[in-house]
Protein backbone atom coordinates (compact mmCIF):
# COMPACT_ATOMS: atom_id res chain seq x y z
CA UNK A 1 186.68 205.06 124.56
CA UNK A 2 190.47 204.91 124.77
CA UNK A 3 192.72 204.23 121.82
CA UNK A 4 196.01 204.92 120.19
CA UNK A 5 194.71 205.45 116.69
CA UNK A 6 196.82 207.45 114.21
CA UNK A 7 195.03 210.34 112.44
CA UNK A 8 197.48 212.16 110.18
CA UNK A 9 200.05 213.83 112.38
CA UNK A 10 197.92 213.20 115.54
CA UNK A 11 197.53 210.24 117.76
CA UNK A 12 194.04 209.97 119.12
CA UNK A 13 194.09 208.93 122.79
CA UNK A 14 190.57 209.14 123.95
CA UNK A 15 187.16 209.87 122.44
CA UNK A 16 185.45 212.45 124.62
CA UNK A 17 182.09 212.27 122.80
CA UNK A 18 180.12 212.74 119.56
CA UNK A 19 177.72 215.58 118.85
CA UNK A 20 175.71 216.82 115.88
CA UNK A 21 178.71 218.02 114.07
CA UNK A 22 181.84 216.15 115.09
CA UNK A 23 183.39 213.45 117.31
CA UNK A 24 185.79 214.95 119.76
CA UNK A 25 189.09 213.37 120.73
CA UNK A 26 191.95 213.90 123.27
CA UNK A 27 195.11 213.68 121.22
CA UNK A 28 198.84 214.41 121.02
CA UNK A 29 200.78 215.78 118.05
CA UNK A 30 204.15 214.57 116.78
CA UNK A 31 205.99 216.40 119.60
CA UNK A 32 203.69 214.91 122.35
CA UNK A 33 201.87 218.13 122.89
CA UNK A 34 198.32 217.47 124.21
CA UNK A 35 195.38 218.92 122.35
CA UNK A 36 191.83 218.22 121.18
CA UNK A 37 190.91 217.09 117.72
CA UNK A 38 187.36 217.54 116.33
CA UNK A 39 186.60 215.23 113.31
CA UNK A 40 183.74 216.43 111.24
CA UNK A 41 181.03 213.78 110.81
CA UNK A 42 180.91 212.04 107.42
CA UNK A 43 177.31 213.21 106.84
CA UNK A 44 178.45 216.75 106.87
CA UNK A 45 181.77 216.14 105.06
CA UNK A 46 179.77 214.84 102.05
CA UNK A 47 178.03 218.24 101.75
CA UNK A 48 180.11 220.38 99.37
CA UNK A 49 178.46 223.62 100.47
CA UNK A 50 179.10 222.86 104.11
CA UNK A 51 182.74 221.93 103.42
CA UNK A 52 183.44 225.14 101.42
CA UNK A 53 181.97 227.22 104.31
CA UNK A 54 183.68 225.12 107.00
CA UNK A 55 187.10 225.53 105.25
CA UNK A 56 186.66 229.32 105.16
CA UNK A 57 185.50 229.62 108.74
CA UNK A 58 188.34 227.24 109.92
CA UNK A 59 190.97 229.59 108.24
CA UNK A 60 189.39 232.58 109.85
CA UNK A 61 189.29 230.97 113.29
CA UNK A 62 192.90 229.94 113.13
CA UNK A 63 193.64 233.73 112.95
CA UNK A 64 191.76 234.46 116.23
CA UNK A 65 194.03 235.47 119.06
CA UNK A 66 192.14 236.30 122.10
CA UNK A 67 192.53 235.15 125.71
CA UNK A 68 188.80 234.37 125.93
CA UNK A 69 188.59 232.20 122.83
CA UNK A 70 189.88 228.60 122.54
CA UNK A 71 192.77 228.58 120.04
CA UNK A 72 192.54 226.62 116.86
CA UNK A 73 196.12 225.27 116.17
CA UNK A 74 195.46 223.45 112.93
CA UNK A 75 192.82 222.50 110.49
CA UNK A 76 192.72 220.44 107.35
CA UNK A 77 191.72 217.28 105.47
CA UNK A 78 192.95 213.83 106.28
CA UNK A 79 191.78 211.24 103.83
CA UNK A 80 188.72 213.16 102.98
CA UNK A 81 187.79 213.92 106.67
CA UNK A 82 187.83 217.48 107.83
CA UNK A 83 189.18 218.30 111.25
CA UNK A 84 190.20 220.97 113.68
CA UNK A 85 193.00 220.67 116.24
CA UNK A 86 192.55 222.98 119.26
CA UNK A 87 194.28 223.73 122.48
CA UNK A 88 193.36 221.39 125.38
CA UNK A 89 191.61 223.11 128.22
CA UNK A 90 191.96 221.91 131.72
CA UNK A 91 188.56 222.72 133.25
CA UNK A 92 184.80 222.19 132.90
CA UNK A 93 182.09 223.54 130.68
CA UNK A 94 179.80 226.06 132.29
CA UNK A 95 176.86 223.53 132.33
CA UNK A 96 178.87 221.14 134.52
CA UNK A 97 180.00 223.97 136.71
CA UNK A 98 176.49 225.18 137.33
CA UNK A 99 175.14 221.77 138.14
CA UNK A 100 177.98 221.34 140.72
CA UNK A 101 177.40 224.82 142.16
CA UNK A 102 173.66 224.51 142.48
CA UNK A 103 174.00 221.00 144.00
CA UNK A 104 176.41 222.38 146.69
CA UNK A 105 173.41 224.45 148.10
CA UNK A 106 172.67 227.98 148.52
CA UNK A 107 171.99 230.56 145.75
CA UNK A 108 174.23 230.95 142.62
CA UNK A 109 176.76 233.62 142.95
CA UNK A 110 175.97 236.98 141.19
CA UNK A 111 179.67 237.80 141.20
CA UNK A 112 180.59 234.58 139.40
CA UNK A 113 177.84 235.10 136.81
CA UNK A 114 178.84 238.65 136.06
CA UNK A 115 182.53 237.78 135.68
CA UNK A 116 181.94 234.78 133.44
CA UNK A 117 179.45 236.77 131.24
CA UNK A 118 181.78 239.73 131.05
CA UNK A 119 184.67 237.39 129.72
CA UNK A 120 182.35 235.77 127.22
CA UNK A 121 181.12 239.28 126.09
CA UNK A 122 184.73 240.23 125.58
CA UNK A 123 185.20 237.18 123.39
CA UNK A 124 182.14 238.09 121.30
CA UNK A 125 183.25 241.70 120.94
CA UNK A 126 186.58 240.49 119.57
CA UNK A 127 185.02 238.16 117.00
CA UNK A 128 182.24 240.56 115.96
CA UNK A 129 184.83 243.04 115.03
CA UNK A 130 186.96 240.64 112.92
CA UNK A 131 187.75 241.56 109.37
CA UNK A 132 188.47 239.24 106.45
CA UNK A 133 191.50 239.20 104.14
CA UNK A 134 190.05 242.21 102.26
CA UNK A 135 189.84 244.21 105.44
CA UNK A 136 186.08 244.36 105.48
CA UNK A 137 184.06 243.35 108.58
CA UNK A 138 182.93 239.82 108.40
CA UNK A 139 179.95 240.37 110.63
CA UNK A 140 180.38 236.98 112.27
CA UNK A 141 177.57 235.60 114.44
CA UNK A 142 178.40 232.75 116.75
CA UNK A 143 174.73 231.36 116.83
CA UNK A 144 175.61 228.81 119.48
CA UNK A 145 176.35 230.68 122.69
CA UNK A 146 175.14 228.38 125.48
CA UNK A 147 176.26 226.88 128.83
CA UNK A 148 177.96 224.00 127.14
CA UNK A 149 180.04 226.34 124.87
CA UNK A 150 181.65 228.30 127.62
CA UNK A 151 184.55 226.66 129.37
CA UNK A 152 185.91 227.60 132.77
CA UNK A 153 189.52 226.61 133.44
CA UNK A 154 191.07 225.52 136.68
CA UNK A 155 193.61 228.39 136.03
CA UNK A 156 190.72 230.90 136.22
CA UNK A 157 190.36 231.29 132.39
CA UNK A 158 186.98 231.70 130.64
CA UNK A 159 186.88 230.61 127.03
CA UNK A 160 184.20 230.62 124.40
CA UNK A 161 184.22 227.47 122.20
CA UNK A 162 183.22 226.59 118.65
CA UNK A 163 183.51 229.89 116.94
CA UNK A 164 185.43 228.56 114.01
CA UNK A 165 182.58 226.34 112.65
CA UNK A 166 179.54 227.99 114.19
CA UNK A 167 178.56 230.06 111.15
CA UNK A 168 179.11 227.15 108.71
CA UNK A 169 177.11 224.85 110.90
CA UNK A 170 174.36 227.37 111.48
CA UNK A 171 173.85 227.84 107.68
CA UNK A 172 173.35 224.15 107.22
CA UNK A 173 171.43 223.22 110.34
CA UNK A 174 170.19 226.16 112.45
CA UNK A 175 168.75 228.46 109.84
CA UNK A 176 167.09 225.80 107.63
CA UNK A 177 163.95 223.94 108.26
CA UNK A 178 163.47 220.34 107.40
CA UNK A 179 159.91 219.08 107.56
CA UNK A 180 158.97 222.31 109.49
CA UNK A 181 161.54 221.52 112.27
CA UNK A 182 164.11 224.13 113.21
CA UNK A 183 167.58 222.67 113.98
CA UNK A 184 169.79 223.95 116.79
CA UNK A 185 169.80 224.58 120.56
CA UNK A 186 166.26 225.81 120.71
CA UNK A 187 166.40 227.15 124.26
CA UNK A 188 169.22 229.53 123.29
CA UNK A 189 167.85 231.00 120.13
CA UNK A 190 166.68 234.57 119.86
CA UNK A 191 163.01 235.36 118.90
CA UNK A 192 164.06 236.65 115.40
CA UNK A 193 165.67 233.33 114.63
CA UNK A 194 162.37 231.56 115.18
CA UNK A 195 160.22 234.22 113.39
CA UNK A 196 162.40 234.15 110.26
CA UNK A 197 163.75 237.71 110.81
CA UNK A 198 167.19 239.05 109.95
CA UNK A 199 169.76 237.57 112.30
CA UNK A 200 172.72 239.63 113.31
CA UNK A 201 175.24 239.89 116.17
CA UNK A 202 172.59 240.94 118.59
CA UNK A 203 171.20 237.39 118.48
CA UNK A 204 174.50 236.39 120.27
CA UNK A 205 173.89 239.06 123.00
CA UNK A 206 170.44 237.52 123.54
CA UNK A 207 171.98 234.14 123.96
CA UNK A 208 174.50 235.41 126.31
CA UNK A 209 171.72 237.06 128.18
CA UNK A 210 170.11 233.60 128.57
CA UNK A 211 173.35 232.14 129.80
CA UNK A 212 173.73 234.91 132.44
CA UNK A 213 170.13 234.59 133.63
CA UNK A 214 170.53 230.85 134.03
CA UNK A 215 173.83 231.34 135.96
CA UNK A 216 172.13 233.85 138.39
CA UNK A 217 169.00 231.73 139.03
CA UNK A 218 170.33 228.17 138.74
CA UNK A 219 167.22 227.44 136.43
CA UNK A 220 166.62 227.11 132.72
CA UNK A 221 164.98 230.13 131.15
CA UNK A 222 163.15 228.99 128.06
CA UNK A 223 163.67 225.19 128.25
CA UNK A 224 160.21 223.42 128.36
CA UNK A 225 158.94 219.90 128.25
CA UNK A 226 158.58 219.84 124.53
CA UNK A 227 160.37 221.53 121.54
CA UNK A 228 157.22 223.40 120.54
CA UNK A 229 156.69 224.74 124.01
CA UNK A 230 160.34 225.89 124.19
CA UNK A 231 160.03 227.78 120.87
CA UNK A 232 156.84 229.37 122.10
CA UNK A 233 158.60 230.64 125.20
CA UNK A 234 161.48 231.98 123.17
CA UNK A 235 159.15 233.80 120.79
CA UNK A 236 157.29 235.39 123.73
CA UNK A 237 160.52 236.34 125.40
CA UNK A 238 158.81 237.03 128.75
CA UNK A 239 161.62 237.19 131.37
CA UNK A 240 161.46 237.75 135.12
CA UNK A 241 164.29 239.76 136.66
CA UNK A 242 166.82 237.30 138.11
CA UNK A 243 166.42 238.86 141.55
CA UNK A 244 162.91 237.46 141.86
CA UNK A 245 164.54 234.06 142.10
CA UNK A 246 167.79 234.97 143.65
CA UNK A 247 167.62 237.89 146.16
CA UNK A 248 171.48 238.23 146.04
CA UNK A 249 171.29 239.72 142.49
CA UNK A 250 171.81 243.49 142.60
CA UNK A 251 169.52 245.91 140.62
CA UNK A 252 172.29 246.78 138.19
CA UNK A 253 172.73 243.20 137.21
CA UNK A 254 169.00 242.77 136.80
CA UNK A 255 169.01 245.75 134.46
CA UNK A 256 171.91 244.34 132.34
CA UNK A 257 170.22 240.97 131.92
CA UNK A 258 166.82 242.31 130.97
CA UNK A 259 168.33 244.66 128.40
CA UNK A 260 170.23 241.84 126.79
CA UNK A 261 167.00 239.75 126.71
CA UNK A 262 164.78 242.44 125.13
CA UNK A 263 162.57 240.88 122.54
CA UNK A 264 163.31 243.49 119.91
CA UNK A 265 166.93 243.50 118.76
CA UNK A 266 166.93 247.29 118.75
CA UNK A 267 166.21 247.39 122.50
CA UNK A 268 169.27 245.26 123.41
CA UNK A 269 172.73 246.34 123.95
CA UNK A 270 174.23 247.86 120.86
CA UNK A 271 177.23 245.67 120.83
CA UNK A 272 179.04 243.03 122.87
CA UNK A 273 181.67 245.55 123.83
CA UNK A 274 179.02 247.75 125.39
CA UNK A 275 177.61 244.79 127.23
CA UNK A 276 181.06 243.84 128.48
CA UNK A 277 181.65 247.44 129.75
CA UNK A 278 178.43 247.34 131.69
CA UNK A 279 179.25 243.93 133.30
CA UNK A 280 182.75 245.28 134.18
CA UNK A 281 181.31 247.81 136.48
CA UNK A 282 179.34 245.14 138.38
CA UNK A 283 182.31 242.74 138.43
CA UNK A 284 184.45 245.61 140.02
CA UNK A 285 181.88 246.39 142.54
CA UNK A 286 181.45 242.71 143.57
CA UNK A 287 185.15 242.23 143.73
CA UNK A 288 185.39 239.15 141.62
CA UNK A 289 188.56 238.20 139.61
CA UNK A 290 190.33 235.38 138.01
CA UNK A 291 191.99 234.18 141.28
CA UNK A 292 188.47 233.83 142.82
CA UNK A 293 187.38 231.80 139.90
CA UNK A 294 190.31 229.48 140.57
CA UNK A 295 189.04 229.23 144.12
CA UNK A 296 185.57 228.33 143.03
CA UNK A 297 186.73 225.65 140.54
CA UNK A 298 189.03 224.11 143.09
CA UNK A 299 186.18 224.01 145.67
CA UNK A 300 183.64 222.47 143.17
CA UNK A 301 186.13 219.95 141.66
CA UNK A 302 188.68 219.14 144.38
CA UNK A 303 189.74 215.89 142.82
CA UNK A 304 190.55 217.37 139.47
CA UNK A 305 191.80 220.81 140.32
CA UNK A 306 195.54 221.50 140.65
CA UNK A 307 196.92 220.36 144.05
CA UNK A 308 196.75 222.93 146.92
CA UNK A 309 199.95 224.86 146.98
CA UNK A 310 200.29 224.77 143.29
CA UNK A 311 197.53 227.38 142.94
CA UNK A 312 196.39 229.96 145.40
CA UNK A 313 192.97 228.73 146.67
CA UNK A 314 192.72 230.75 149.83
CA UNK A 315 189.80 233.10 150.44
CA UNK A 316 190.22 236.48 148.78
CA UNK A 317 189.91 239.78 150.66
CA UNK A 318 187.41 242.41 149.48
CA UNK A 319 188.07 246.13 149.48
CA UNK A 320 185.32 246.64 152.05
CA UNK A 321 187.08 244.36 154.47
CA UNK A 322 184.64 241.41 154.18
CA UNK A 323 185.72 237.93 153.20
CA UNK A 324 184.32 234.97 151.22
CA UNK A 325 185.36 231.67 152.48
CA UNK A 326 185.32 228.58 150.33
CA UNK A 327 181.61 227.89 150.68
CA UNK A 328 180.55 231.58 150.30
CA UNK A 329 182.65 231.61 147.11
CA UNK A 330 179.94 229.50 145.51
CA UNK A 331 176.83 230.80 147.22
CA UNK A 332 177.95 234.47 146.99
CA UNK A 333 176.89 235.24 150.66
CA UNK A 334 179.17 237.68 152.44
CA UNK A 335 180.05 237.25 156.08
CA UNK A 336 181.99 239.53 158.38
CA UNK A 337 185.50 238.20 159.37
CA UNK A 338 184.46 238.00 163.06
CA UNK A 339 181.62 235.50 162.23
CA UNK A 340 183.62 233.21 160.11
CA UNK A 341 184.13 229.68 161.51
CA UNK A 342 187.62 228.10 161.31
CA UNK A 343 188.48 227.34 157.73
CA UNK A 344 188.08 223.54 157.20
CA UNK A 345 189.28 222.33 153.78
CA UNK A 346 187.83 219.22 152.20
CA UNK A 347 189.85 216.03 152.49
CA UNK A 348 192.82 215.82 150.15
CA UNK A 349 192.25 213.63 147.14
CA UNK A 350 194.34 210.39 147.08
CA UNK A 351 196.83 211.63 144.61
CA UNK A 352 197.29 214.89 146.67
CA UNK A 353 197.87 212.80 149.85
CA UNK A 354 200.51 210.71 148.12
CA UNK A 355 202.31 213.72 146.77
CA UNK A 356 202.07 215.46 150.19
CA UNK A 357 203.80 212.45 151.84
CA UNK A 358 206.56 212.51 149.23
CA UNK A 359 207.20 216.20 149.78
CA UNK A 360 207.32 215.74 153.63
CA UNK A 361 209.71 212.84 153.28
CA UNK A 362 211.85 214.86 150.90
CA UNK A 363 211.85 217.86 153.27
CA UNK A 364 212.67 215.64 156.26
CA UNK A 365 215.71 214.18 154.26
CA UNK A 366 216.77 217.64 153.27
CA UNK A 367 216.62 218.86 156.79
CA UNK A 368 218.58 215.82 158.08
CA UNK A 369 221.32 216.11 155.38
CA UNK A 370 221.45 219.76 155.99
CA UNK A 371 221.89 219.26 159.74
CA UNK A 372 224.53 216.45 159.02
CA UNK A 373 226.40 218.82 156.74
CA UNK A 374 226.29 221.71 159.30
CA UNK A 375 227.59 219.32 162.03
CA UNK A 376 230.51 218.36 159.77
CA UNK A 377 231.37 221.94 159.20
CA UNK A 378 231.21 222.68 162.88
CA UNK A 379 233.71 219.93 163.57
CA UNK A 380 236.05 221.13 160.93
CA UNK A 381 235.97 224.61 162.45
CA UNK A 382 236.52 223.19 165.92
CA UNK A 383 239.63 221.29 164.75
CA UNK A 384 241.27 224.37 163.27
């Protein structure tokens, strides 16, 4: 839905969708800066307890300043309707990326999975350590870490979404039961959330473990045909090592995933920072970095990524002398340089072809004018 509706100091351009908490809009502010506005649904805005918690969490989220967390630029109340204004991210959520990667053939890339999980763990570590105005730890728990709440940017960024309102929403919907039905993304819950135990930051580590397992295997871990079956699978927490489904997964990454997915919270990683440090060793060994994520995104979404030449989307060399070409970037399979076929890029999108022609014409004119000017100068020198 495209519109030009005014909402306070924002002009809503396009509705991106509506979820269980809010409607999401592409918008611009008074200066024309693009951003995203989340308008809290009226059913939640009428709940005084939710509104009070939302306002507190929104203020706290506006203080967050971390490269792996989407920035909240503004929050408030417009004619009785709560909202958040956030930075606009040019990319795709991890769910969309994984569907595209798996659809391209081959096995999911362990290097990509480890890198994205490390960046998400760094975001969790930052927020888990946040303090309130009184300087005391807030013990925040995201409670909604999932494929759809991790965004991968065409610039190689990895950002965790929806931290500002996650706790408020969880208190109202995820942690309460209505007619015996637990609300929330069931397939990303930790066992203690189902069993009514104490929920702390280790539930986020379990959820991130699910995300990483799914990135490494290209399959859903606990998702079943019915909600009840999903909850039973979460409660049992029986997990196969990812390498049983993807032989490319190294043992060190298997061990990291299984520890994050331990049924008992005390058997998991002690903190998100500890998990991030473990993943960092794997990422370094596999040689993945932000630039290679840019390559992956440009390969998976060639019509939407920045035009070639604006970003470096060439294959990245590894320390051991091996290369990953554009296809192996997604599948994670290494091949020696001598066996690489000639690099064939996919066809340029229409807008890229049009721009390329404009650049070629401009270059030709510049060369022609430059040659004409040089010819004039030569005549002047000859006349002297």
